[in-house]
Structure formats: structure tokens, C-alpha cells
Amino acid sequence: MTFELKATSRAKQGTGASRRLRKAGQLPGIVYGGSAEAVAINLDSQQHVLHAARRKIPHCIDPIVDR
């Protein structure tokens, strides 16, 4: 089972930037692993909440990041 999360990359990082994103209804995150560099992302909190409410726990998450 695979679940795709639509995300956008972000340039600003830090506590203040993360607070502003949360106030705007976004979830800040970082994708890392393997040999690739880490990518800071924004997730739509509404999509994340709906997914959690349905209790669909994926075995694999494919982040789709618009750069």
C-alpha cells in the first residue's frame, strides 16, 4: 500500500518560519534518507488530517515535492 503526500519545497527554515506555516494551515517537514540531500517541505495540514482520520496507515509514503 502506498500513499502520496503532495508537498511543496520551502527555502526558509527555523522556529519562526515553522510557526508561520502552521498558522497558515501548513505542516513543515523535512524529507531525508539515502544518498540524497535533505529537502525542507510544506504539507497541506487538511490532507494530513483527513488521512489520519481515516486511519489509513501506509506501508510506504511517496512524497511528491513541487520545486
PDB file of N, CA and C in Angstrom:
ATOM      1  N   MET A   1       0.844  -1.175   0.000  1.00  0.00           N
ATOM      2  CA  MET A   1       0.000   0.000   0.000  1.00  0.00           C
ATOM      3  C   MET A   1       0.890   1.239   0.000  1.00  0.00           C
ATOM      4  N   THR A   2       0.619   2.195  -0.869  1.00  0.00           N
ATOM      5  CA  THR A   2       1.394   3.419  -0.975  1.00  0.00           C
ATOM      6  C   THR A   2       0.470   4.613  -0.853  1.00  0.00           C
ATOM      7  N   PHE A   3       0.930   5.622  -0.167  1.00  0.00           N
ATOM      8  CA  PHE A   3       0.174   6.854  -0.008  1.00  0.00           C
ATOM      9  C   PHE A   3       1.028   8.003  -0.490  1.00  0.00           C
ATOM     10  N   GLU A   4       0.480   8.859  -1.346  1.00  0.00           N
ATOM     11  CA  GLU A   4       1.221  10.002  -1.856  1.00  0.00           C
ATOM     12  C   GLU A   4       0.842  11.257  -1.084  1.00  0.00           C
ATOM     13  N   LEU A   5       1.856  11.973  -0.611  1.00  0.00           N
ATOM     14  CA  LEU A   5       1.657  13.258   0.039  1.00  0.00           C
ATOM     15  C   LEU A   5       2.115  14.344  -0.916  1.00  0.00           C
ATOM     16  N   LYS A   6       1.229  15.272  -1.233  1.00  0.00           N
ATOM     17  CA  LYS A   6       1.612  16.384  -2.095  1.00  0.00           C
ATOM     18  C   LYS A   6       2.229  17.469  -1.224  1.00  0.00           C
ATOM     19  N   ALA A   7       3.423  17.893  -1.601  1.00  0.00           N
ATOM     20  CA  ALA A   7       4.158  18.870  -0.809  1.00  0.00           C
ATOM     21  C   ALA A   7       4.832  19.879  -1.729  1.00  0.00           C
ATOM     22  N   THR A   8       5.210  21.005  -1.142  1.00  0.00           N
ATOM     23  CA  THR A   8       5.996  21.999  -1.865  1.00  0.00           C
ATOM     24  C   THR A   8       7.283  22.217  -1.085  1.00  0.00           C
ATOM     25  N   SER A   9       8.358  22.486  -1.806  1.00  0.00           N
ATOM     26  CA  SER A   9       9.620  22.740  -1.125  1.00  0.00           C
ATOM     27  C   SER A   9       9.594  24.149  -0.538  1.00  0.00           C
ATOM     28  N   ARG A  10      10.414  24.363   0.472  1.00  0.00           N
ATOM     29  CA  ARG A  10      10.460  25.676   1.106  1.00  0.00           C
ATOM     30  C   ARG A  10      11.905  26.079   1.339  1.00  0.00           C
ATOM     31  N   ALA A  11      12.142  27.386   1.301  1.00  0.00           N
ATOM     32  CA  ALA A  11      13.501  27.895   1.489  1.00  0.00           C
ATOM     33  C   ALA A  11      13.773  28.247   2.942  1.00  0.00           C
ATOM     34  N   LYS A  12      12.794  28.829   3.611  1.00  0.00           N
ATOM     35  CA  LYS A  12      13.003  29.291   4.989  1.00  0.00           C
ATOM     36  C   LYS A  12      12.823  28.147   5.974  1.00  0.00           C
ATOM     37  N   GLN A  13      13.736  28.084   6.952  1.00  0.00           N
ATOM     38  CA  GLN A  13      13.655  27.085   7.994  1.00  0.00           C
ATOM     39  C   GLN A  13      13.788  27.773   9.343  1.00  0.00           C
ATOM     40  N   GLY A  14      13.478  27.066  10.390  1.00  0.00           N
ATOM     41  CA  GLY A  14      13.604  27.620  11.735  1.00  0.00           C
ATOM     42  C   GLY A  14      12.266  27.690  12.435  1.00  0.00           C
ATOM     43  N   THR A  15      12.326  28.031  13.710  1.00  0.00           N
ATOM     44  CA  THR A  15      11.135  28.074  14.548  1.00  0.00           C
ATOM     45  C   THR A  15      10.115  29.091  14.061  1.00  0.00           C
ATOM     46  N   GLY A  16      10.563  30.306  13.744  1.00  0.00           N
ATOM     47  CA  GLY A  16       9.641  31.349  13.300  1.00  0.00           C
ATOM     48  C   GLY A  16       8.957  30.996  11.991  1.00  0.00           C
ATOM     49  N   ALA A  17       9.731  30.465  11.051  1.00  0.00           N
ATOM     50  CA  ALA A  17       9.164  30.078   9.757  1.00  0.00           C
ATOM     51  C   ALA A  17       8.155  28.946   9.933  1.00  0.00           C
ATOM     52  N   SER A  18       8.458  27.990  10.803  1.00  0.00           N
ATOM     53  CA  SER A  18       7.544  26.871  11.057  1.00  0.00           C
ATOM     54  C   SER A  18       6.254  27.347  11.708  1.00  0.00           C
ATOM     55  N   ARG A  19       6.342  28.290  12.636  1.00  0.00           N
ATOM     56  CA  ARG A  19       5.137  28.837  13.272  1.00  0.00           C
ATOM     57  C   ARG A  19       4.239  29.522  12.251  1.00  0.00           C
ATOM     58  N   ARG A  20       4.851  30.306  11.366  1.00  0.00           N
ATOM     59  CA  ARG A  20       4.060  30.998  10.336  1.00  0.00           C
ATOM     60  C   ARG A  20       3.358  29.997   9.423  1.00  0.00           C
ATOM     61  N   LEU A  21       4.038  28.920   9.071  1.00  0.00           N
ATOM     62  CA  LEU A  21       3.419  27.891   8.228  1.00  0.00           C
ATOM     63  C   LEU A  21       2.240  27.241   8.939  1.00  0.00           C
ATOM     64  N   ARG A  22       2.407  26.920  10.221  1.00  0.00           N
ATOM     65  CA  ARG A  22       1.316  26.289  10.967  1.00  0.00           C
ATOM     66  C   ARG A  22       0.113  27.207  11.085  1.00  0.00           C
ATOM     67  N   LYS A  23       0.359  28.494  11.292  1.00  0.00           N
ATOM     68  CA  LYS A  23      -0.746  29.457  11.365  1.00  0.00           C
ATOM     69  C   LYS A  23      -1.477  29.564  10.035  1.00  0.00           C
ATOM     70  N   ALA A  24      -0.760  29.300   8.939  1.00  0.00           N
ATOM     71  CA  ALA A  24      -1.347  29.360   7.601  1.00  0.00           C
ATOM     72  C   ALA A  24      -1.972  28.028   7.183  1.00  0.00           C
ATOM     73  N   GLY A  25      -2.010  27.043   8.102  1.00  0.00           N
ATOM     74  CA  GLY A  25      -2.642  25.760   7.789  1.00  0.00           C
ATOM     75  C   GLY A  25      -1.720  24.780   7.098  1.00  0.00           C
ATOM     76  N   GLN A  26      -0.425  24.984   7.200  1.00  0.00           N
ATOM     77  CA  GLN A  26       0.546  24.093   6.580  1.00  0.00           C
ATOM     78  C   GLN A  26       1.318  23.340   7.661  1.00  0.00           C
ATOM     79  N   LEU A  27       1.896  22.213   7.287  1.00  0.00           N
ATOM     80  CA  LEU A  27       2.757  21.448   8.185  1.00  0.00           C
ATOM     81  C   LEU A  27       4.177  21.466   7.630  1.00  0.00           C
ATOM     82  N   PRO A  28       5.137  21.987   8.383  1.00  0.00           N
ATOM     83  CA  PRO A  28       6.514  21.948   7.919  1.00  0.00           C
ATOM     84  C   PRO A  28       7.098  20.548   8.112  1.00  0.00           C
ATOM     85  N   GLY A  29       7.998  20.169   7.230  1.00  0.00           N
ATOM     86  CA  GLY A  29       8.634  18.864   7.356  1.00  0.00           C
ATOM     87  C   GLY A  29       9.944  18.821   6.600  1.00  0.00           C
ATOM     88  N   ILE A  30      10.668  17.732   6.763  1.00  0.00           N
ATOM     89  CA  ILE A  30      11.928  17.518   6.058  1.00  0.00           C
ATOM     90  C   ILE A  30      11.943  16.081   5.558  1.00  0.00           C
ATOM     91  N   VAL A  31      12.302  15.908   4.289  1.00  0.00           N
ATOM     92  CA  VAL A  31      12.433  14.584   3.699  1.00  0.00           C
ATOM     93  C   VAL A  31      13.922  14.297   3.577  1.00  0.00           C
ATOM     94  N   TYR A  32      14.356  13.163   4.133  1.00  0.00           N
ATOM     95  CA  TYR A  32      15.765  12.807   4.046  1.00  0.00           C
ATOM     96  C   TYR A  32      15.906  11.301   3.990  1.00  0.00           C
ATOM     97  N   GLY A  33      17.070  10.860   3.580  1.00  0.00           N
ATOM     98  CA  GLY A  33      17.352   9.436   3.529  1.00  0.00           C
ATOM     99  C   GLY A  33      18.156   9.085   2.298  1.00  0.00           C
ATOM    100  N   GLY A  34      18.776   7.955   2.334  1.00  0.00           N
ATOM    101  CA  GLY A  34      19.595   7.519   1.217  1.00  0.00           C
ATOM    102  C   GLY A  34      20.782   8.442   1.016  1.00  0.00           C
ATOM    103  N   SER A  35      21.166   8.628  -0.222  1.00  0.00           N
ATOM    104  CA  SER A  35      22.320   9.476  -0.524  1.00  0.00           C
ATOM    105  C   SER A  35      21.915  10.889  -0.940  1.00  0.00           C
ATOM    106  N   ALA A  36      20.624  11.154  -1.043  1.00  0.00           N
ATOM    107  CA  ALA A  36      20.143  12.476  -1.462  1.00  0.00           C
ATOM    108  C   ALA A  36      20.209  13.463  -0.303  1.00  0.00           C
ATOM    109  N   GLU A  37      20.307  14.755  -0.646  1.00  0.00           N
ATOM    110  CA  GLU A  37      20.304  15.791   0.373  1.00  0.00           C
ATOM    111  C   GLU A  37      18.896  15.964   0.946  1.00  0.00           C
ATOM    112  N   ALA A  38      18.822  16.441   2.171  1.00  0.00           N
ATOM    113  CA  ALA A  38      17.532  16.690   2.814  1.00  0.00           C
ATOM    114  C   ALA A  38      16.815  17.836   2.101  1.00  0.00           C
ATOM    115  N   VAL A  39      15.480  17.734   2.011  1.00  0.00           N
ATOM    116  CA  VAL A  39      14.659  18.756   1.366  1.00  0.00           C
ATOM    117  C   VAL A  39      13.601  19.217   2.365  1.00  0.00           C
ATOM    118  N   ALA A  40      13.575  20.528   2.647  1.00  0.00           N
ATOM    119  CA  ALA A  40      12.555  21.094   3.532  1.00  0.00           C
ATOM    120  C   ALA A  40      11.269  21.251   2.731  1.00  0.00           C
ATOM    121  N   ILE A  41      10.140  20.823   3.302  1.00  0.00           N
ATOM    122  CA  ILE A  41       8.864  20.831   2.581  1.00  0.00           C
ATOM    123  C   ILE A  41       7.738  21.423   3.436  1.00  0.00           C
ATOM    124  N   ASN A  42       6.640  21.754   2.751  1.00  0.00           N
ATOM    125  CA  ASN A  42       5.367  22.131   3.381  1.00  0.00           C
ATOM    126  C   ASN A  42       4.342  21.085   2.980  1.00  0.00           C
ATOM    127  N   LEU A  43       3.552  20.653   3.927  1.00  0.00           N
ATOM    128  CA  LEU A  43       2.440  19.745   3.642  1.00  0.00           C
ATOM    129  C   LEU A  43       1.138  20.459   3.958  1.00  0.00           C
ATOM    130  N   ASP A  44       0.105  20.134   3.212  1.00  0.00           N
ATOM    131  CA  ASP A  44      -1.220  20.675   3.492  1.00  0.00           C
ATOM    132  C   ASP A  44      -1.777  19.947   4.705  1.00  0.00           C
ATOM    133  N   SER A  45      -2.025  20.668   5.785  1.00  0.00           N
ATOM    134  CA  SER A  45      -2.483  20.017   7.017  1.00  0.00           C
ATOM    135  C   SER A  45      -3.849  19.367   6.849  1.00  0.00           C
ATOM    136  N   GLN A  46      -4.693  19.905   5.994  1.00  0.00           N
ATOM    137  CA  GLN A  46      -6.021  19.321   5.775  1.00  0.00           C
ATOM    138  C   GLN A  46      -5.889  17.915   5.194  1.00  0.00           C
ATOM    139  N   GLN A  47      -5.008  17.727   4.213  1.00  0.00           N
ATOM    140  CA  GLN A  47      -4.800  16.409   3.619  1.00  0.00           C
ATOM    141  C   GLN A  47      -4.280  15.439   4.677  1.00  0.00           C
ATOM    142  N   HIS A  48      -3.365  15.879   5.510  1.00  0.00           N
ATOM    143  CA  HIS A  48      -2.784  15.031   6.544  1.00  0.00           C
ATOM    144  C   HIS A  48      -3.845  14.630   7.570  1.00  0.00           C
ATOM    145  N   VAL A  49      -4.673  15.569   7.991  1.00  0.00           N
ATOM    146  CA  VAL A  49      -5.713  15.286   8.988  1.00  0.00           C
ATOM    147  C   VAL A  49      -6.736  14.306   8.435  1.00  0.00           C
ATOM    148  N   LEU A  50      -7.162  14.494   7.191  1.00  0.00           N
ATOM    149  CA  LEU A  50      -8.131  13.574   6.601  1.00  0.00           C
ATOM    150  C   LEU A  50      -7.565  12.164   6.510  1.00  0.00           C
ATOM    151  N   HIS A  51      -6.309  12.062   6.152  1.00  0.00           N
ATOM    152  CA  HIS A  51      -5.671  10.755   6.060  1.00  0.00           C
ATOM    153  C   HIS A  51      -5.632  10.079   7.433  1.00  0.00           C
ATOM    154  N   ALA A  52      -5.249  10.823   8.456  1.00  0.00           N
ATOM    155  CA  ALA A  52      -5.171  10.263   9.805  1.00  0.00           C
ATOM    156  C   ALA A  52      -6.562   9.881  10.312  1.00  0.00           C
ATOM    157  N   ALA A  53      -7.574  10.676   9.974  1.00  0.00           N
ATOM    158  CA  ALA A  53      -8.937  10.400  10.430  1.00  0.00           C
ATOM    159  C   ALA A  53      -9.464   9.100   9.833  1.00  0.00           C
ATOM    160  N   ARG A  54      -9.032   8.772   8.649  1.00  0.00           N
ATOM    161  CA  ARG A  54      -9.480   7.530   8.002  1.00  0.00           C
ATOM    162  C   ARG A  54      -8.684   6.324   8.477  1.00  0.00           C
ATOM    163  N   ARG A  55      -7.632   6.595   9.268  1.00  0.00           N
ATOM    164  CA  ARG A  55      -6.782   5.547   9.840  1.00  0.00           C
ATOM    165  C   ARG A  55      -6.153   4.654   8.783  1.00  0.00           C
ATOM    166  N   LYS A  56      -5.787   5.250   7.684  1.00  0.00           N
ATOM    167  CA  LYS A  56      -5.062   4.508   6.666  1.00  0.00           C
ATOM    168  C   LYS A  56      -3.579   4.652   6.975  1.00  0.00           C
ATOM    169  N   ILE A  57      -3.018   3.614   7.496  1.00  0.00           N
ATOM    170  CA  ILE A  57      -1.602   3.665   7.833  1.00  0.00           C
ATOM    171  C   ILE A  57      -0.825   3.030   6.684  1.00  0.00           C
ATOM    172  N   PRO A  58      -0.077   3.851   5.945  1.00  0.00           N
ATOM    173  CA  PRO A  58       0.614   3.317   4.771  1.00  0.00           C
ATOM    174  C   PRO A  58       1.882   2.547   5.134  1.00  0.00           C
ATOM    175  N   HIS A  59       2.234   1.632   4.275  1.00  0.00           N
ATOM    176  CA  HIS A  59       3.496   0.923   4.426  1.00  0.00           C
ATOM    177  C   HIS A  59       4.619   1.729   3.791  1.00  0.00           C
ATOM    178  N   CYS A  60       4.256   2.555   2.835  1.00  0.00           N
ATOM    179  CA  CYS A  60       5.242   3.368   2.136  1.00  0.00           C
ATOM    180  C   CYS A  60       4.609   4.712   1.789  1.00  0.00           C
ATOM    181  N   ILE A  61       5.334   5.784   2.035  1.00  0.00           N
ATOM    182  CA  ILE A  61       4.841   7.123   1.688  1.00  0.00           C
ATOM    183  C   ILE A  61       5.711   7.675   0.580  1.00  0.00           C
ATOM    184  N   ASP A  62       5.102   8.076  -0.521  1.00  0.00           N
ATOM    185  CA  ASP A  62       5.823   8.691  -1.628  1.00  0.00           C
ATOM    186  C   ASP A  62       5.553  10.186  -1.605  1.00  0.00           C
ATOM    187  N   PRO A  63       6.517  10.993  -1.139  1.00  0.00           N
ATOM    188  CA  PRO A  63       6.280  12.439  -1.167  1.00  0.00           C
ATOM    189  C   PRO A  63       6.457  12.970  -2.587  1.00  0.00           C
ATOM    190  N   ILE A  64       5.485  13.744  -3.046  1.00  0.00           N
ATOM    191  CA  ILE A  64       5.532  14.372  -4.350  1.00  0.00           C
ATOM    192  C   ILE A  64       5.833  15.844  -4.085  1.00  0.00           C
ATOM    193  N   VAL A  65       7.063  16.276  -4.343  1.00  0.00           N
ATOM    194  CA  VAL A  65       7.504  17.618  -3.994  1.00  0.00           C
ATOM    195  C   VAL A  65       7.605  18.490  -5.246  1.00  0.00           C
ATOM    196  N   ASP A  66       6.868  19.600  -5.248  1.00  0.00           N
ATOM    197  CA  ASP A  66       6.978  20.594  -6.322  1.00  0.00           C
ATOM    198  C   ASP A  66       8.094  21.533  -5.940  1.00  0.00           C
ATOM    199  N   ARG A  67       9.073  21.666  -6.807  1.00  0.00           N
ATOM    200  CA  ARG A  67      10.208  22.559  -6.505  1.00  0.00           C
ATOM    201  C   ARG A  67      10.076  23.844  -7.245  1.00  0.00           C
TER     202      ARG A  67
END
